[in-house]
Amino acid sequence: MAEKGKSKTDVSARVEAKNRVHLCSKCGNKVEVVLSVSPTGKKRMRRVCCEG
């Protein structure tokens, strides 16, 4: 029987990756991720930082 007390995923690494700040390579600002929906109904995640 396998032990049931241990998780297979590294939860601390996932939390660290989620909290990591992503900076834009062009302007240096924080990159925000937004959900955009096209007129046809397709959903897409977009990264927004320097509108230009």
PDB file of N, CA and C in Angstrom:
ATOM      1  N   MET A   1       0.825  -1.198   0.000  1.00  0.00           N
ATOM      2  CA  MET A   1       0.000   0.000   0.000  1.00  0.00           C
ATOM      3  C   MET A   1       0.868   1.259   0.000  1.00  0.00           C
ATOM      4  N   ALA A   2       0.440   2.261  -0.720  1.00  0.00           N
ATOM      5  CA  ALA A   2       1.156   3.533  -0.761  1.00  0.00           C
ATOM      6  C   ALA A   2       0.764   4.404   0.428  1.00  0.00           C
ATOM      7  N   GLU A   3       1.711   5.227   0.842  1.00  0.00           N
ATOM      8  CA  GLU A   3       1.416   6.137   1.948  1.00  0.00           C
ATOM      9  C   GLU A   3       0.476   7.233   1.481  1.00  0.00           C
ATOM     10  N   LYS A   4      -0.475   7.639   2.336  1.00  0.00           N
ATOM     11  CA  LYS A   4      -1.460   8.637   1.941  1.00  0.00           C
ATOM     12  C   LYS A   4      -1.168  10.027   2.489  1.00  0.00           C
ATOM     13  N   GLY A   5      -0.130  10.195   3.302  1.00  0.00           N
ATOM     14  CA  GLY A   5       0.133  11.472   3.946  1.00  0.00           C
ATOM     15  C   GLY A   5       0.939  12.445   3.110  1.00  0.00           C
ATOM     16  N   LYS A   6       1.447  12.040   1.972  1.00  0.00           N
ATOM     17  CA  LYS A   6       2.350  12.884   1.205  1.00  0.00           C
ATOM     18  C   LYS A   6       1.721  13.292  -0.131  1.00  0.00           C
ATOM     19  N   SER A   7       1.842  14.592  -0.463  1.00  0.00           N
ATOM     20  CA  SER A   7       1.301  15.093  -1.716  1.00  0.00           C
ATOM     21  C   SER A   7       2.316  14.892  -2.834  1.00  0.00           C
ATOM     22  N   LYS A   8       1.833  14.620  -4.034  1.00  0.00           N
ATOM     23  CA  LYS A   8       2.732  14.439  -5.175  1.00  0.00           C
ATOM     24  C   LYS A   8       3.162  15.759  -5.785  1.00  0.00           C
ATOM     25  N   THR A   9       2.365  16.807  -5.598  1.00  0.00           N
ATOM     26  CA  THR A   9       2.711  18.102  -6.176  1.00  0.00           C
ATOM     27  C   THR A   9       3.450  18.957  -5.168  1.00  0.00           C
ATOM     28  N   ASP A  10       4.355  19.791  -5.653  1.00  0.00           N
ATOM     29  CA  ASP A  10       5.105  20.704  -4.801  1.00  0.00           C
ATOM     30  C   ASP A  10       4.288  21.987  -4.674  1.00  0.00           C
ATOM     31  N   VAL A  11       3.474  22.068  -3.634  1.00  0.00           N
ATOM     32  CA  VAL A  11       2.542  23.174  -3.459  1.00  0.00           C
ATOM     33  C   VAL A  11       3.276  24.491  -3.266  1.00  0.00           C
ATOM     34  N   SER A  12       4.362  24.483  -2.532  1.00  0.00           N
ATOM     35  CA  SER A  12       5.108  25.725  -2.283  1.00  0.00           C
ATOM     36  C   SER A  12       5.673  26.294  -3.578  1.00  0.00           C
ATOM     37  N   ALA A  13       6.102  25.455  -4.496  1.00  0.00           N
ATOM     38  CA  ALA A  13       6.628  25.930  -5.781  1.00  0.00           C
ATOM     39  C   ALA A  13       5.508  26.533  -6.622  1.00  0.00           C
ATOM     40  N   ARG A  14       4.316  25.959  -6.545  1.00  0.00           N
ATOM     41  CA  ARG A  14       3.186  26.503  -7.302  1.00  0.00           C
ATOM     42  C   ARG A  14       2.785  27.871  -6.770  1.00  0.00           C
ATOM     43  N   VAL A  15       2.768  28.038  -5.449  1.00  0.00           N
ATOM     44  CA  VAL A  15       2.410  29.318  -4.835  1.00  0.00           C
ATOM     45  C   VAL A  15       3.449  30.373  -5.200  1.00  0.00           C
ATOM     46  N   GLU A  16       4.718  29.994  -5.171  1.00  0.00           N
ATOM     47  CA  GLU A  16       5.790  30.929  -5.521  1.00  0.00           C
ATOM     48  C   GLU A  16       5.674  31.381  -6.973  1.00  0.00           C
ATOM     49  N   ALA A  17       5.377  30.470  -7.879  1.00  0.00           N
ATOM     50  CA  ALA A  17       5.233  30.812  -9.295  1.00  0.00           C
ATOM     51  C   ALA A  17       4.036  31.723  -9.518  1.00  0.00           C
ATOM     52  N   LYS A  18       2.969  31.504  -8.770  1.00  0.00           N
ATOM     53  CA  LYS A  18       1.768  32.325  -8.912  1.00  0.00           C
ATOM     54  C   LYS A  18       2.003  33.746  -8.406  1.00  0.00           C
ATOM     55  N   ASN A  19       2.779  33.891  -7.344  1.00  0.00           N
ATOM     56  CA  ASN A  19       3.029  35.204  -6.755  1.00  0.00           C
ATOM     57  C   ASN A  19       4.161  35.967  -7.429  1.00  0.00           C
ATOM     58  N   ARG A  20       4.880  35.319  -8.322  1.00  0.00           N
ATOM     59  CA  ARG A  20       5.999  35.967  -9.007  1.00  0.00           C
ATOM     60  C   ARG A  20       5.463  37.072  -9.926  1.00  0.00           C
ATOM     61  N   VAL A  21       6.121  38.225  -9.918  1.00  0.00           N
ATOM     62  CA  VAL A  21       5.681  39.354 -10.728  1.00  0.00           C
ATOM     63  C   VAL A  21       6.342  39.259 -12.097  1.00  0.00           C
ATOM     64  N   HIS A  22       5.529  39.336 -13.139  1.00  0.00           N
ATOM     65  CA  HIS A  22       6.045  39.305 -14.502  1.00  0.00           C
ATOM     66  C   HIS A  22       6.168  40.738 -15.004  1.00  0.00           C
ATOM     67  N   LEU A  23       7.352  41.108 -15.503  1.00  0.00           N
ATOM     68  CA  LEU A  23       7.587  42.453 -15.999  1.00  0.00           C
ATOM     69  C   LEU A  23       7.711  42.429 -17.517  1.00  0.00           C
ATOM     70  N   CYS A  24       7.225  43.497 -18.136  1.00  0.00           N
ATOM     71  CA  CYS A  24       7.281  43.629 -19.587  1.00  0.00           C
ATOM     72  C   CYS A  24       8.721  43.866 -20.022  1.00  0.00           C
ATOM     73  N   SER A  25       9.130  43.252 -21.112  1.00  0.00           N
ATOM     74  CA  SER A  25      10.491  43.430 -21.607  1.00  0.00           C
ATOM     75  C   SER A  25      10.673  44.767 -22.317  1.00  0.00           C
ATOM     76  N   LYS A  26       9.560  45.413 -22.716  1.00  0.00           N
ATOM     77  CA  LYS A  26       9.656  46.691 -23.434  1.00  0.00           C
ATOM     78  C   LYS A  26       9.598  47.894 -22.504  1.00  0.00           C
ATOM     79  N   CYS A  27       8.602  47.917 -21.595  1.00  0.00           N
ATOM     80  CA  CYS A  27       8.408  49.103 -20.758  1.00  0.00           C
ATOM     81  C   CYS A  27       8.799  48.878 -19.301  1.00  0.00           C
ATOM     82  N   GLY A  28       8.918  47.637 -18.865  1.00  0.00           N
ATOM     83  CA  GLY A  28       9.303  47.343 -17.496  1.00  0.00           C
ATOM     84  C   GLY A  28       8.157  47.364 -16.502  1.00  0.00           C
ATOM     85  N   ASN A  29       6.933  47.611 -16.970  1.00  0.00           N
ATOM     86  CA  ASN A  29       5.774  47.618 -16.081  1.00  0.00           C
ATOM     87  C   ASN A  29       5.287  46.199 -15.810  1.00  0.00           C
ATOM     88  N   LYS A  30       4.459  46.060 -14.779  1.00  0.00           N
ATOM     89  CA  LYS A  30       3.872  44.767 -14.443  1.00  0.00           C
ATOM     90  C   LYS A  30       2.890  44.352 -15.533  1.00  0.00           C
ATOM     91  N   VAL A  31       2.935  43.100 -15.927  1.00  0.00           N
ATOM     92  CA  VAL A  31       2.061  42.571 -16.972  1.00  0.00           C
ATOM     93  C   VAL A  31       0.788  42.045 -16.315  1.00  0.00           C
ATOM     94  N   GLU A  32      -0.364  42.533 -16.780  1.00  0.00           N
ATOM     95  CA  GLU A  32      -1.643  42.058 -16.283  1.00  0.00           C
ATOM     96  C   GLU A  32      -2.251  41.110 -17.315  1.00  0.00           C
ATOM     97  N   VAL A  33      -2.921  40.076 -16.824  1.00  0.00           N
ATOM     98  CA  VAL A  33      -3.578  39.114 -17.699  1.00  0.00           C
ATOM     99  C   VAL A  33      -5.078  39.341 -17.596  1.00  0.00           C
ATOM    100  N   VAL A  34      -5.722  39.567 -18.747  1.00  0.00           N
ATOM    101  CA  VAL A  34      -7.162  39.817 -18.771  1.00  0.00           C
ATOM    102  C   VAL A  34      -7.834  38.820 -19.709  1.00  0.00           C
ATOM    103  N   LEU A  35      -9.095  38.536 -19.430  1.00  0.00           N
ATOM    104  CA  LEU A  35      -9.887  37.643 -20.270  1.00  0.00           C
ATOM    105  C   LEU A  35     -10.652  38.490 -21.267  1.00  0.00           C
ATOM    106  N   SER A  36     -10.425  38.255 -22.558  1.00  0.00           N
ATOM    107  CA  SER A  36     -11.161  38.988 -23.580  1.00  0.00           C
ATOM    108  C   SER A  36     -12.029  38.011 -24.357  1.00  0.00           C
ATOM    109  N   VAL A  37     -13.210  38.468 -24.713  1.00  0.00           N
ATOM    110  CA  VAL A  37     -14.160  37.643 -25.452  1.00  0.00           C
ATOM    111  C   VAL A  37     -14.371  38.274 -26.819  1.00  0.00           C
ATOM    112  N   SER A  38     -14.153  37.505 -27.868  1.00  0.00           N
ATOM    113  CA  SER A  38     -14.336  38.009 -29.222  1.00  0.00           C
ATOM    114  C   SER A  38     -15.826  38.047 -29.566  1.00  0.00           C
ATOM    115  N   PRO A  39     -16.192  38.768 -30.620  1.00  0.00           N
ATOM    116  CA  PRO A  39     -17.607  38.812 -31.027  1.00  0.00           C
ATOM    117  C   PRO A  39     -18.193  37.440 -31.366  1.00  0.00           C
ATOM    118  N   THR A  40     -17.341  36.492 -31.739  1.00  0.00           N
ATOM    119  CA  THR A  40     -17.828  35.149 -32.053  1.00  0.00           C
ATOM    120  C   THR A  40     -18.027  34.305 -30.797  1.00  0.00           C
ATOM    121  N   GLY A  41     -17.590  34.828 -29.638  1.00  0.00           N
ATOM    122  CA  GLY A  41     -17.795  34.123 -28.382  1.00  0.00           C
ATOM    123  C   GLY A  41     -16.580  33.360 -27.892  1.00  0.00           C
ATOM    124  N   LYS A  42     -15.467  33.457 -28.611  1.00  0.00           N
ATOM    125  CA  LYS A  42     -14.269  32.742 -28.201  1.00  0.00           C
ATOM    126  C   LYS A  42     -13.559  33.518 -27.085  1.00  0.00           C
ATOM    127  N   LYS A  43     -13.225  32.831 -26.001  1.00  0.00           N
ATOM    128  CA  LYS A  43     -12.548  33.457 -24.869  1.00  0.00           C
ATOM    129  C   LYS A  43     -11.045  33.293 -25.038  1.00  0.00           C
ATOM    130  N   ARG A  44     -10.300  34.344 -24.627  1.00  0.00           N
ATOM    131  CA  ARG A  44      -8.857  34.314 -24.791  1.00  0.00           C
ATOM    132  C   ARG A  44      -8.204  35.120 -23.671  1.00  0.00           C
ATOM    133  N   MET A  45      -7.129  34.620 -23.107  1.00  0.00           N
ATOM    134  CA  MET A  45      -6.381  35.340 -22.093  1.00  0.00           C
ATOM    135  C   MET A  45      -5.345  36.220 -22.790  1.00  0.00           C
ATOM    136  N   ARG A  46      -5.367  37.518 -22.482  1.00  0.00           N
ATOM    137  CA  ARG A  46      -4.420  38.460 -23.091  1.00  0.00           C
ATOM    138  C   ARG A  46      -3.541  39.067 -22.013  1.00  0.00           C
ATOM    139  N   ARG A  47      -2.290  39.318 -22.368  1.00  0.00           N
ATOM    140  CA  ARG A  47      -1.371  40.006 -21.471  1.00  0.00           C
ATOM    141  C   ARG A  47      -1.336  41.480 -21.861  1.00  0.00           C
ATOM    142  N   VAL A  48      -1.619  42.339 -20.878  1.00  0.00           N
ATOM    143  CA  VAL A  48      -1.714  43.772 -21.144  1.00  0.00           C
ATOM    144  C   VAL A  48      -0.715  44.495 -20.263  1.00  0.00           C
ATOM    145  N   CYS A  49       0.078  45.399 -20.832  1.00  0.00           N
ATOM    146  CA  CYS A  49       0.943  46.249 -20.009  1.00  0.00           C
ATOM    147  C   CYS A  49       1.053  47.619 -20.660  1.00  0.00           C
ATOM    148  N   CYS A  50       1.767  47.736 -21.756  1.00  0.00           N
ATOM    149  CA  CYS A  50       1.953  49.039 -22.390  1.00  0.00           C
ATOM    150  C   CYS A  50       1.041  49.125 -23.615  1.00  0.00           C
ATOM    151  N   GLU A  51      -0.064  49.840 -23.451  1.00  0.00           N
ATOM    152  CA  GLU A  51      -1.011  50.012 -24.563  1.00  0.00           C
ATOM    153  C   GLU A  51      -0.355  50.926 -25.589  1.00  0.00           C
ATOM    154  N   GLY A  52      -0.102  50.391 -26.768  1.00  0.00           N
ATOM    155  CA  GLY A  52       0.568  51.242 -27.727  1.00  0.00           C
ATOM    156  C   GLY A  52       0.640  50.687 -29.054  1.00  0.00           C
TER     157      GLY A  52
END
